[in-house]
Amino acid sequence: MFWLKPSDVANDSRYPNGITGVMQESERFYRQELGVTFKLNNPAVEVVEGNHPRSWYENTPNGGEEYWWVVFNMQQELMARFGLRSPDSRWLCVGEVSAEKAGVSGGGGGGGWVILSGHDADGAAGINGAMNRWYGGMVHELGHAFGLPDSSRTDGTPMSASFYDYPNCHFNQQQKDGIRNGPYGRFLS
């Protein structure tokens, strides 16, 4: 797990501590739901001093949709600096960056990665609303990293908008089987 801190953003322990807390809650939820879970590194979050100021991550085109620029710029920097791939069969990777173009930037999960922009980093740090929203959001995006698609309707699972009602959501059996038998299921014990 990485918190990429752009070069012009002050170091703030609320971010790595908060992201760690969100991941520990996600780890607990996966164990509750599946009977197995992933293992976090120690320390759980590596603070990475970004190569660029916040505006570079926000405004440097990377892919067709501006929604993805911030997180794709972060992901490519992490990949280059740490020898990671996308997908990377060696790791489940989570990256959060303290950069976001308001109303435009986003993030998501898939192929063994969760890549999230500034509002998620702020949420994990306790700056942006109730923690259950950020716990549910991470559980949802980790589901994508493990290979699950979005649910087609709000169905009480974290792969639907029901994640906003976290912890009152649960994986269905098909989702549990999909995680366990998917390309990253071997990371669960």
N, C-alpha and C. Protein backbone atom coordinates (compact mmCIF):
# COMPACT_ATOMS: atom_id res chain seq x y z
N MET A 1 0.84 -1.17 0.00
CA MET A 1 0.00 0.00 0.00
C MET A 1 0.88 1.23 0.00
N PHE A 2 0.44 2.20 -0.78
CA PHE A 2 1.21 3.43 -0.92
C PHE A 2 0.32 4.65 -0.72
N TRP A 3 0.87 5.65 -0.05
CA TRP A 3 0.29 6.99 -0.07
C TRP A 3 1.30 7.84 -0.82
N LEU A 4 0.94 8.26 -2.04
CA LEU A 4 1.83 9.11 -2.82
C LEU A 4 1.50 10.56 -2.47
N LYS A 5 2.50 11.23 -1.91
CA LYS A 5 2.40 12.61 -1.46
C LYS A 5 3.10 13.47 -2.50
N PRO A 6 2.33 14.24 -3.29
CA PRO A 6 2.98 15.12 -4.26
C PRO A 6 4.04 15.99 -3.59
N SER A 7 5.01 16.43 -4.36
CA SER A 7 6.16 17.15 -3.82
C SER A 7 5.79 18.43 -3.09
N ASP A 8 4.64 19.02 -3.38
CA ASP A 8 4.24 20.26 -2.70
C ASP A 8 3.16 20.04 -1.64
N VAL A 9 2.97 18.80 -1.21
CA VAL A 9 2.00 18.47 -0.17
C VAL A 9 2.77 18.14 1.11
N ALA A 10 2.34 18.73 2.23
CA ALA A 10 3.01 18.51 3.52
C ALA A 10 2.80 17.08 4.00
N ASN A 11 3.81 16.55 4.66
CA ASN A 11 3.66 15.23 5.28
C ASN A 11 2.68 15.36 6.43
N ASP A 12 1.77 14.41 6.54
CA ASP A 12 0.72 14.46 7.55
C ASP A 12 0.42 13.01 7.95
N SER A 13 0.75 12.66 9.18
CA SER A 13 0.61 11.28 9.64
C SER A 13 -0.83 10.78 9.61
N ARG A 14 -1.80 11.69 9.55
CA ARG A 14 -3.20 11.23 9.47
C ARG A 14 -3.42 10.38 8.22
N TYR A 15 -2.68 10.63 7.15
CA TYR A 15 -2.89 9.89 5.90
C TYR A 15 -2.40 8.44 6.00
N PRO A 16 -1.13 8.17 6.28
CA PRO A 16 -0.75 6.76 6.38
C PRO A 16 -1.46 6.05 7.53
N ASN A 17 -1.68 6.74 8.64
CA ASN A 17 -2.39 6.11 9.76
C ASN A 17 -3.84 5.81 9.38
N GLY A 18 -4.50 6.74 8.71
CA GLY A 18 -5.88 6.54 8.31
C GLY A 18 -6.04 5.47 7.25
N ILE A 19 -5.15 5.47 6.25
CA ILE A 19 -5.20 4.44 5.20
C ILE A 19 -4.96 3.07 5.83
N THR A 20 -4.03 3.01 6.78
CA THR A 20 -3.80 1.75 7.51
C THR A 20 -5.08 1.31 8.20
N GLY A 21 -5.77 2.22 8.86
CA GLY A 21 -7.01 1.88 9.55
C GLY A 21 -8.08 1.37 8.60
N VAL A 22 -8.20 2.02 7.44
CA VAL A 22 -9.18 1.57 6.43
C VAL A 22 -8.82 0.17 5.95
N MET A 23 -7.55 -0.09 5.72
CA MET A 23 -7.15 -1.41 5.25
C MET A 23 -7.30 -2.47 6.33
N GLN A 24 -7.04 -2.12 7.58
CA GLN A 24 -7.25 -3.09 8.67
C GLN A 24 -8.72 -3.44 8.80
N GLU A 25 -9.60 -2.46 8.66
CA GLU A 25 -11.04 -2.75 8.70
C GLU A 25 -11.44 -3.60 7.50
N SER A 26 -10.88 -3.33 6.32
CA SER A 26 -11.17 -4.14 5.14
C SER A 26 -10.67 -5.57 5.33
N GLU A 27 -9.50 -5.71 5.91
CA GLU A 27 -8.93 -7.02 6.21
C GLU A 27 -9.88 -7.79 7.14
N ARG A 28 -10.38 -7.12 8.17
CA ARG A 28 -11.32 -7.74 9.11
C ARG A 28 -12.61 -8.15 8.41
N PHE A 29 -13.14 -7.27 7.55
CA PHE A 29 -14.38 -7.55 6.84
C PHE A 29 -14.23 -8.77 5.92
N TYR A 30 -13.12 -8.84 5.18
CA TYR A 30 -12.90 -9.99 4.30
C TYR A 30 -12.81 -11.28 5.10
N ARG A 31 -12.17 -11.25 6.28
CA ARG A 31 -12.12 -12.45 7.11
C ARG A 31 -13.52 -12.83 7.58
N GLN A 32 -14.30 -11.84 7.99
CA GLN A 32 -15.68 -12.11 8.43
C GLN A 32 -16.51 -12.72 7.31
N GLU A 33 -16.36 -12.20 6.11
CA GLU A 33 -17.18 -12.63 4.99
C GLU A 33 -16.71 -13.94 4.36
N LEU A 34 -15.39 -14.13 4.27
CA LEU A 34 -14.84 -15.26 3.52
C LEU A 34 -14.20 -16.34 4.40
N GLY A 35 -13.94 -16.00 5.66
CA GLY A 35 -13.21 -16.92 6.52
C GLY A 35 -11.71 -16.86 6.30
N VAL A 36 -11.27 -16.09 5.32
CA VAL A 36 -9.86 -15.86 5.00
C VAL A 36 -9.72 -14.39 4.63
N THR A 37 -8.50 -13.91 4.65
CA THR A 37 -8.28 -12.51 4.29
C THR A 37 -6.87 -12.34 3.73
N PHE A 38 -6.57 -11.15 3.28
CA PHE A 38 -5.24 -10.78 2.78
C PHE A 38 -4.38 -10.35 3.96
N LYS A 39 -3.09 -10.28 3.75
CA LYS A 39 -2.14 -9.87 4.79
C LYS A 39 -1.55 -8.53 4.42
N LEU A 40 -1.51 -7.62 5.39
CA LEU A 40 -0.91 -6.31 5.17
C LEU A 40 0.58 -6.36 5.49
N ASN A 41 1.35 -5.53 4.81
CA ASN A 41 2.76 -5.37 5.14
C ASN A 41 2.88 -4.64 6.47
N ASN A 42 4.08 -4.62 7.03
CA ASN A 42 4.36 -3.87 8.25
C ASN A 42 5.59 -3.01 8.03
N PRO A 43 5.45 -1.69 7.98
CA PRO A 43 4.21 -0.94 8.13
C PRO A 43 3.30 -1.15 6.93
N ALA A 44 2.03 -0.95 7.16
CA ALA A 44 1.04 -1.23 6.11
C ALA A 44 1.14 -0.27 4.94
N VAL A 45 1.45 0.99 5.22
CA VAL A 45 1.47 2.01 4.17
C VAL A 45 2.87 2.57 4.01
N GLU A 46 3.34 2.58 2.78
CA GLU A 46 4.61 3.21 2.46
C GLU A 46 4.32 4.62 1.95
N VAL A 47 4.90 5.62 2.61
CA VAL A 47 4.75 7.01 2.19
C VAL A 47 5.77 7.26 1.08
N VAL A 48 5.28 7.70 -0.08
CA VAL A 48 6.14 7.92 -1.23
C VAL A 48 6.13 9.40 -1.56
N GLU A 49 7.30 10.01 -1.54
CA GLU A 49 7.44 11.41 -1.94
C GLU A 49 7.31 11.47 -3.46
N GLY A 50 6.27 12.11 -3.93
CA GLY A 50 6.03 12.18 -5.37
C GLY A 50 7.11 12.94 -6.11
N ASN A 51 7.27 12.61 -7.37
CA ASN A 51 8.25 13.30 -8.22
C ASN A 51 7.76 14.64 -8.72
N HIS A 52 6.47 14.94 -8.51
CA HIS A 52 5.86 16.12 -9.12
C HIS A 52 4.95 16.82 -8.12
N PRO A 53 4.63 18.10 -8.38
CA PRO A 53 3.64 18.80 -7.56
C PRO A 53 2.23 18.29 -7.85
N ARG A 54 1.33 18.59 -6.96
CA ARG A 54 -0.06 18.14 -7.08
C ARG A 54 -0.64 18.48 -8.45
N SER A 55 -0.41 19.68 -8.94
CA SER A 55 -1.01 20.11 -10.22
C SER A 55 -0.57 19.23 -11.38
N TRP A 56 0.64 18.67 -11.32
CA TRP A 56 1.08 17.79 -12.40
C TRP A 56 0.22 16.53 -12.45
N TYR A 57 -0.05 15.91 -11.30
CA TYR A 57 -0.88 14.69 -11.27
C TYR A 57 -2.29 15.00 -11.77
N GLU A 58 -2.79 16.18 -11.44
CA GLU A 58 -4.16 16.57 -11.79
C GLU A 58 -4.32 16.96 -13.26
N ASN A 59 -3.28 17.52 -13.86
CA ASN A 59 -3.44 18.14 -15.18
C ASN A 59 -2.67 17.48 -16.31
N THR A 60 -1.88 16.46 -16.02
CA THR A 60 -1.12 15.78 -17.07
C THR A 60 -1.99 14.68 -17.67
N PRO A 61 -2.34 14.81 -18.94
CA PRO A 61 -3.20 13.79 -19.57
C PRO A 61 -2.58 12.39 -19.49
N ASN A 62 -3.45 11.43 -19.17
CA ASN A 62 -3.02 10.04 -19.08
C ASN A 62 -4.25 9.18 -19.33
N GLY A 63 -4.44 8.80 -20.55
CA GLY A 63 -5.64 8.06 -20.93
C GLY A 63 -6.70 9.01 -21.47
N GLY A 64 -7.76 8.45 -21.98
CA GLY A 64 -8.78 9.24 -22.64
C GLY A 64 -9.64 10.09 -21.73
N GLU A 65 -9.99 9.57 -20.55
CA GLU A 65 -10.90 10.27 -19.66
C GLU A 65 -10.14 10.98 -18.56
N GLU A 66 -10.43 12.26 -18.39
CA GLU A 66 -9.78 13.06 -17.36
C GLU A 66 -10.01 12.48 -15.96
N TYR A 67 -11.10 11.77 -15.78
CA TYR A 67 -11.43 11.10 -14.52
C TYR A 67 -10.24 10.28 -14.01
N TRP A 68 -9.50 9.65 -14.92
CA TRP A 68 -8.44 8.71 -14.55
C TRP A 68 -7.05 9.34 -14.48
N TRP A 69 -6.86 10.57 -14.93
CA TRP A 69 -5.51 11.12 -15.04
C TRP A 69 -4.74 11.05 -13.73
N VAL A 70 -5.31 11.54 -12.65
CA VAL A 70 -4.60 11.60 -11.36
C VAL A 70 -4.13 10.20 -10.95
N VAL A 71 -5.04 9.25 -10.97
CA VAL A 71 -4.68 7.91 -10.47
C VAL A 71 -3.78 7.15 -11.45
N PHE A 72 -3.97 7.34 -12.75
CA PHE A 72 -3.06 6.70 -13.69
C PHE A 72 -1.66 7.30 -13.58
N ASN A 73 -1.55 8.61 -13.38
CA ASN A 73 -0.24 9.23 -13.20
C ASN A 73 0.44 8.68 -11.95
N MET A 74 -0.32 8.53 -10.86
CA MET A 74 0.23 7.94 -9.64
C MET A 74 0.66 6.50 -9.88
N GLN A 75 -0.23 5.71 -10.49
CA GLN A 75 0.05 4.29 -10.70
C GLN A 75 1.31 4.11 -11.55
N GLN A 76 1.44 4.88 -12.62
CA GLN A 76 2.62 4.74 -13.47
C GLN A 76 3.89 5.12 -12.74
N GLU A 77 3.81 6.14 -11.89
CA GLU A 77 4.99 6.51 -11.10
C GLU A 77 5.35 5.39 -10.12
N LEU A 78 4.37 4.83 -9.44
CA LEU A 78 4.63 3.72 -8.51
C LEU A 78 5.20 2.52 -9.25
N MET A 79 4.66 2.21 -10.41
CA MET A 79 5.15 1.08 -11.19
C MET A 79 6.61 1.28 -11.57
N ALA A 80 6.95 2.46 -12.05
CA ALA A 80 8.32 2.74 -12.47
C ALA A 80 9.29 2.71 -11.29
N ARG A 81 8.87 3.26 -10.17
CA ARG A 81 9.78 3.38 -9.03
C ARG A 81 9.97 2.07 -8.28
N PHE A 82 8.96 1.19 -8.28
CA PHE A 82 9.02 -0.02 -7.47
C PHE A 82 9.00 -1.31 -8.29
N GLY A 83 9.11 -1.20 -9.61
CA GLY A 83 9.14 -2.40 -10.46
C GLY A 83 7.84 -3.18 -10.44
N LEU A 84 6.73 -2.46 -10.29
CA LEU A 84 5.41 -3.10 -10.27
C LEU A 84 4.86 -3.19 -11.68
N ARG A 85 3.84 -4.03 -11.84
CA ARG A 85 3.18 -4.18 -13.13
C ARG A 85 1.67 -4.03 -12.93
N SER A 86 0.97 -3.92 -14.01
CA SER A 86 -0.50 -3.86 -13.95
C SER A 86 -1.08 -4.69 -15.08
N PRO A 87 -1.61 -5.87 -14.79
CA PRO A 87 -1.68 -6.49 -13.47
C PRO A 87 -0.32 -7.01 -13.02
N ASP A 88 -0.21 -7.25 -11.72
CA ASP A 88 1.02 -7.77 -11.13
C ASP A 88 0.67 -9.00 -10.32
N SER A 89 1.07 -10.16 -10.79
CA SER A 89 0.70 -11.41 -10.13
C SER A 89 1.37 -11.59 -8.77
N ARG A 90 2.35 -10.75 -8.46
CA ARG A 90 3.09 -10.89 -7.20
C ARG A 90 2.41 -10.20 -6.02
N TRP A 91 1.56 -9.22 -6.31
CA TRP A 91 1.02 -8.37 -5.25
C TRP A 91 -0.40 -7.94 -5.53
N LEU A 92 -1.15 -7.65 -4.49
CA LEU A 92 -2.31 -6.77 -4.57
C LEU A 92 -1.76 -5.41 -4.19
N CYS A 93 -1.99 -4.41 -5.00
CA CYS A 93 -1.43 -3.08 -4.77
C CYS A 93 -2.56 -2.08 -4.52
N VAL A 94 -2.36 -1.23 -3.53
CA VAL A 94 -3.28 -0.14 -3.23
C VAL A 94 -2.48 1.14 -3.23
N GLY A 95 -2.92 2.11 -4.03
CA GLY A 95 -2.27 3.41 -4.06
C GLY A 95 -3.29 4.51 -3.88
N GLU A 96 -2.99 5.44 -2.99
CA GLU A 96 -3.81 6.64 -2.82
C GLU A 96 -2.90 7.84 -2.99
N VAL A 97 -3.40 8.86 -3.68
CA VAL A 97 -2.61 10.05 -3.95
C VAL A 97 -3.35 11.27 -3.43
N SER A 98 -2.63 12.18 -2.83
CA SER A 98 -3.24 13.43 -2.34
C SER A 98 -3.24 14.47 -3.45
N ALA A 99 -4.02 14.16 -4.47
CA ALA A 99 -4.25 15.07 -5.60
C ALA A 99 -5.61 14.73 -6.17
N GLU A 100 -6.31 15.76 -6.60
CA GLU A 100 -7.62 15.56 -7.20
C GLU A 100 -8.11 16.86 -7.82
N LYS A 101 -8.56 16.77 -9.03
CA LYS A 101 -9.24 17.90 -9.66
C LYS A 101 -10.70 17.78 -9.24
N ALA A 102 -11.17 18.74 -8.45
CA ALA A 102 -12.51 18.67 -7.85
C ALA A 102 -13.58 18.44 -8.91
N GLY A 103 -14.45 17.47 -8.62
CA GLY A 103 -15.56 17.16 -9.50
C GLY A 103 -15.18 16.40 -10.75
N VAL A 104 -13.91 16.06 -10.91
CA VAL A 104 -13.45 15.39 -12.13
C VAL A 104 -12.73 14.09 -11.79
N SER A 105 -11.75 14.14 -10.90
CA SER A 105 -10.89 13.00 -10.63
C SER A 105 -11.63 11.90 -9.87
N GLY A 106 -11.21 10.69 -10.12
CA GLY A 106 -11.82 9.54 -9.45
C GLY A 106 -10.80 8.47 -9.20
N GLY A 107 -11.25 7.24 -9.27
CA GLY A 107 -10.39 6.11 -9.05
C GLY A 107 -11.18 4.83 -9.18
N GLY A 108 -10.55 3.72 -8.85
CA GLY A 108 -11.23 2.45 -8.97
C GLY A 108 -10.30 1.30 -8.65
N GLY A 109 -10.76 0.12 -8.98
CA GLY A 109 -9.99 -1.08 -8.73
C GLY A 109 -10.14 -2.07 -9.86
N GLY A 110 -9.15 -2.92 -10.03
CA GLY A 110 -9.18 -3.98 -11.03
C GLY A 110 -7.79 -4.53 -11.25
N GLY A 111 -7.71 -5.77 -11.67
CA GLY A 111 -6.42 -6.37 -12.03
C GLY A 111 -5.40 -6.33 -10.92
N GLY A 112 -5.84 -6.54 -9.67
CA GLY A 112 -4.89 -6.56 -8.56
C GLY A 112 -4.52 -5.20 -8.01
N TRP A 113 -5.17 -4.15 -8.50
CA TRP A 113 -4.86 -2.78 -8.05
C TRP A 113 -6.12 -2.09 -7.54
N VAL A 114 -5.91 -1.21 -6.54
CA VAL A 114 -6.87 -0.18 -6.16
C VAL A 114 -6.12 1.12 -6.28
N ILE A 115 -6.64 2.06 -7.08
CA ILE A 115 -6.00 3.37 -7.27
C ILE A 115 -7.03 4.45 -6.98
N LEU A 116 -6.74 5.28 -5.97
CA LEU A 116 -7.70 6.25 -5.48
C LEU A 116 -7.10 7.64 -5.38
N SER A 117 -7.95 8.64 -5.64
CA SER A 117 -7.50 10.04 -5.64
C SER A 117 -7.73 10.70 -4.29
N GLY A 118 -7.58 12.00 -4.28
CA GLY A 118 -7.52 12.80 -3.07
C GLY A 118 -8.70 12.68 -2.13
N HIS A 119 -9.94 12.60 -2.64
CA HIS A 119 -11.06 12.54 -1.71
C HIS A 119 -11.06 11.24 -0.90
N ASP A 120 -10.57 10.16 -1.49
CA ASP A 120 -10.46 8.91 -0.73
C ASP A 120 -9.33 9.00 0.29
N ALA A 121 -8.21 9.60 -0.08
CA ALA A 121 -7.11 9.79 0.88
C ALA A 121 -7.58 10.67 2.03
N ASP A 122 -8.30 11.75 1.72
CA ASP A 122 -8.83 12.62 2.77
C ASP A 122 -9.81 11.85 3.66
N GLY A 123 -10.68 11.05 3.05
CA GLY A 123 -11.64 10.27 3.82
C GLY A 123 -10.94 9.33 4.78
N ALA A 124 -9.93 8.63 4.30
CA ALA A 124 -9.18 7.72 5.17
C ALA A 124 -8.52 8.47 6.32
N ALA A 125 -8.09 9.71 6.05
CA ALA A 125 -7.44 10.53 7.08
C ALA A 125 -8.45 11.13 8.06
N GLY A 126 -9.73 10.88 7.84
CA GLY A 126 -10.75 11.39 8.74
C GLY A 126 -11.19 12.80 8.45
N ILE A 127 -10.91 13.29 7.24
CA ILE A 127 -11.18 14.68 6.87
C ILE A 127 -12.48 14.82 6.09
N ASN A 128 -13.01 13.73 5.55
CA ASN A 128 -14.06 13.86 4.53
C ASN A 128 -15.26 12.97 4.82
N GLY A 129 -15.90 13.13 5.98
CA GLY A 129 -17.14 12.39 6.24
C GLY A 129 -16.95 11.15 7.09
N ALA A 130 -18.05 10.45 7.29
CA ALA A 130 -18.09 9.28 8.16
C ALA A 130 -17.19 8.16 7.64
N MET A 131 -16.49 7.51 8.54
CA MET A 131 -15.53 6.47 8.16
C MET A 131 -16.19 5.27 7.49
N ASN A 132 -17.42 4.93 7.84
CA ASN A 132 -18.04 3.77 7.22
C ASN A 132 -18.12 3.90 5.71
N ARG A 133 -18.26 5.12 5.19
CA ARG A 133 -18.28 5.33 3.74
C ARG A 133 -16.94 4.92 3.14
N TRP A 134 -15.85 5.24 3.81
CA TRP A 134 -14.51 4.94 3.28
C TRP A 134 -14.18 3.47 3.47
N TYR A 135 -14.63 2.87 4.57
CA TYR A 135 -14.46 1.43 4.74
C TYR A 135 -15.20 0.68 3.63
N GLY A 136 -16.46 1.03 3.43
CA GLY A 136 -17.26 0.37 2.39
C GLY A 136 -16.67 0.57 1.01
N GLY A 137 -16.18 1.78 0.73
CA GLY A 137 -15.57 2.06 -0.56
C GLY A 137 -14.34 1.22 -0.82
N MET A 138 -13.51 1.03 0.21
CA MET A 138 -12.30 0.22 0.04
C MET A 138 -12.67 -1.25 -0.15
N VAL A 139 -13.62 -1.75 0.63
CA VAL A 139 -14.07 -3.14 0.46
C VAL A 139 -14.56 -3.34 -0.97
N HIS A 140 -15.33 -2.37 -1.50
CA HIS A 140 -15.83 -2.42 -2.88
C HIS A 140 -14.68 -2.46 -3.89
N GLU A 141 -13.75 -1.53 -3.77
CA GLU A 141 -12.64 -1.46 -4.75
C GLU A 141 -11.72 -2.66 -4.63
N LEU A 142 -11.52 -3.18 -3.43
CA LEU A 142 -10.74 -4.41 -3.30
C LEU A 142 -11.46 -5.57 -3.98
N GLY A 143 -12.80 -5.58 -3.92
CA GLY A 143 -13.55 -6.59 -4.66
C GLY A 143 -13.20 -6.55 -6.14
N HIS A 144 -13.10 -5.34 -6.71
CA HIS A 144 -12.69 -5.20 -8.11
C HIS A 144 -11.25 -5.70 -8.30
N ALA A 145 -10.36 -5.35 -7.36
CA ALA A 145 -8.97 -5.80 -7.47
C ALA A 145 -8.89 -7.33 -7.47
N PHE A 146 -9.79 -7.97 -6.73
CA PHE A 146 -9.85 -9.44 -6.70
C PHE A 146 -10.56 -10.02 -7.92
N GLY A 147 -11.14 -9.16 -8.77
CA GLY A 147 -11.73 -9.63 -10.02
C GLY A 147 -13.23 -9.56 -10.12
N LEU A 148 -13.92 -9.00 -9.12
CA LEU A 148 -15.38 -8.93 -9.17
C LEU A 148 -15.86 -7.73 -9.98
N PRO A 149 -16.96 -7.88 -10.70
CA PRO A 149 -17.58 -6.74 -11.37
C PRO A 149 -18.54 -6.02 -10.41
N ASP A 150 -18.99 -4.84 -10.83
CA ASP A 150 -20.06 -4.17 -10.10
C ASP A 150 -21.32 -5.02 -10.20
N SER A 151 -22.13 -4.96 -9.16
CA SER A 151 -23.47 -5.57 -9.23
C SER A 151 -24.32 -4.74 -10.18
N SER A 152 -25.28 -5.37 -10.81
CA SER A 152 -26.14 -4.68 -11.78
C SER A 152 -27.23 -3.86 -11.11
N ARG A 153 -27.41 -4.05 -9.81
CA ARG A 153 -28.43 -3.30 -9.07
C ARG A 153 -27.98 -3.20 -7.61
N THR A 154 -28.62 -2.36 -6.85
CA THR A 154 -28.33 -2.26 -5.42
C THR A 154 -28.92 -3.49 -4.75
N ASP A 155 -28.05 -4.41 -4.32
CA ASP A 155 -28.49 -5.74 -3.91
C ASP A 155 -28.03 -6.17 -2.51
N GLY A 156 -27.55 -5.23 -1.72
CA GLY A 156 -27.11 -5.57 -0.37
C GLY A 156 -25.68 -6.06 -0.30
N THR A 157 -24.98 -6.11 -1.45
CA THR A 157 -23.59 -6.54 -1.45
C THR A 157 -22.68 -5.31 -1.56
N PRO A 158 -21.43 -5.44 -1.12
CA PRO A 158 -20.51 -4.32 -1.25
C PRO A 158 -20.12 -4.02 -2.69
N MET A 159 -20.50 -4.88 -3.64
CA MET A 159 -20.20 -4.62 -5.05
C MET A 159 -21.30 -3.79 -5.69
N SER A 160 -22.24 -3.32 -4.90
CA SER A 160 -23.29 -2.42 -5.37
C SER A 160 -23.23 -1.15 -4.53
N ALA A 161 -24.15 -0.23 -4.77
CA ALA A 161 -24.22 1.00 -3.97
C ALA A 161 -24.49 0.71 -2.51
N SER A 162 -24.78 -0.54 -2.18
CA SER A 162 -24.98 -0.91 -0.78
C SER A 162 -23.72 -0.70 0.06
N PHE A 163 -22.56 -0.55 -0.59
CA PHE A 163 -21.35 -0.30 0.19
C PHE A 163 -21.46 1.01 0.97
N TYR A 164 -22.32 1.93 0.52
CA TYR A 164 -22.52 3.19 1.25
C TYR A 164 -23.20 2.93 2.59
N ASP A 165 -23.79 1.75 2.78
CA ASP A 165 -24.46 1.39 4.03
C ASP A 165 -23.56 0.47 4.87
N TYR A 166 -22.29 0.45 4.57
CA TYR A 166 -21.32 -0.37 5.31
C TYR A 166 -21.47 -0.09 6.80
N PRO A 167 -21.45 -1.13 7.63
CA PRO A 167 -21.12 -2.53 7.42
C PRO A 167 -22.33 -3.41 7.10
N ASN A 168 -23.44 -2.79 6.79
CA ASN A 168 -24.67 -3.54 6.53
C ASN A 168 -24.76 -4.01 5.08
N CYS A 169 -23.71 -4.67 4.63
CA CYS A 169 -23.67 -5.26 3.29
C CYS A 169 -22.83 -6.53 3.40
N HIS A 170 -23.09 -7.47 2.52
CA HIS A 170 -22.39 -8.76 2.60
C HIS A 170 -22.21 -9.32 1.19
N PHE A 171 -21.06 -9.97 0.97
CA PHE A 171 -20.84 -10.65 -0.30
C PHE A 171 -21.84 -11.80 -0.42
N ASN A 172 -22.36 -12.01 -1.64
CA ASN A 172 -23.18 -13.19 -1.86
C ASN A 172 -22.25 -14.37 -2.17
N GLN A 173 -22.81 -15.56 -2.26
CA GLN A 173 -21.99 -16.76 -2.44
C GLN A 173 -21.22 -16.72 -3.76
N GLN A 174 -21.85 -16.24 -4.82
CA GLN A 174 -21.17 -16.15 -6.11
C GLN A 174 -19.96 -15.22 -6.02
N GLN A 175 -20.11 -14.11 -5.30
CA GLN A 175 -18.98 -13.18 -5.14
C GLN A 175 -17.88 -13.81 -4.29
N LYS A 176 -18.25 -14.50 -3.22
CA LYS A 176 -17.25 -15.17 -2.39
C LYS A 176 -16.46 -16.19 -3.21
N ASP A 177 -17.17 -16.97 -4.00
CA ASP A 177 -16.50 -17.96 -4.85
C ASP A 177 -15.62 -17.27 -5.89
N GLY A 178 -16.10 -16.15 -6.45
CA GLY A 178 -15.32 -15.42 -7.43
C GLY A 178 -14.02 -14.87 -6.85
N ILE A 179 -14.06 -14.40 -5.62
CA ILE A 179 -12.85 -13.90 -4.96
C ILE A 179 -11.90 -15.06 -4.68
N ARG A 180 -12.41 -16.11 -4.06
CA ARG A 180 -11.55 -17.25 -3.69
C ARG A 180 -10.92 -17.93 -4.91
N ASN A 181 -11.69 -18.04 -5.99
CA ASN A 181 -11.23 -18.78 -7.16
C ASN A 181 -10.66 -17.90 -8.26
N GLY A 182 -10.63 -16.60 -8.02
CA GLY A 182 -10.14 -15.66 -9.02
C GLY A 182 -8.62 -15.60 -9.06
N PRO A 183 -8.10 -14.73 -9.92
CA PRO A 183 -6.66 -14.67 -10.13
C PRO A 183 -5.85 -14.22 -8.91
N TYR A 184 -6.50 -13.60 -7.91
CA TYR A 184 -5.79 -13.13 -6.73
C TYR A 184 -6.23 -13.85 -5.47
N GLY A 185 -7.03 -14.90 -5.60
CA GLY A 185 -7.49 -15.66 -4.46
C GLY A 185 -6.36 -16.28 -3.66
N ARG A 186 -5.23 -16.53 -4.28
CA ARG A 186 -4.10 -17.13 -3.58
C ARG A 186 -3.51 -16.21 -2.52
N PHE A 187 -3.88 -14.91 -2.54
CA PHE A 187 -3.40 -13.99 -1.53
C PHE A 187 -4.20 -14.07 -0.23
N LEU A 188 -5.20 -14.90 -0.20
CA LEU A 188 -6.07 -15.03 0.97
C LEU A 188 -5.66 -16.22 1.81
N SER A 189 -5.58 -16.02 3.10
CA SER A 189 -5.27 -17.14 4.01
C SER A 189 -5.90 -16.88 5.36
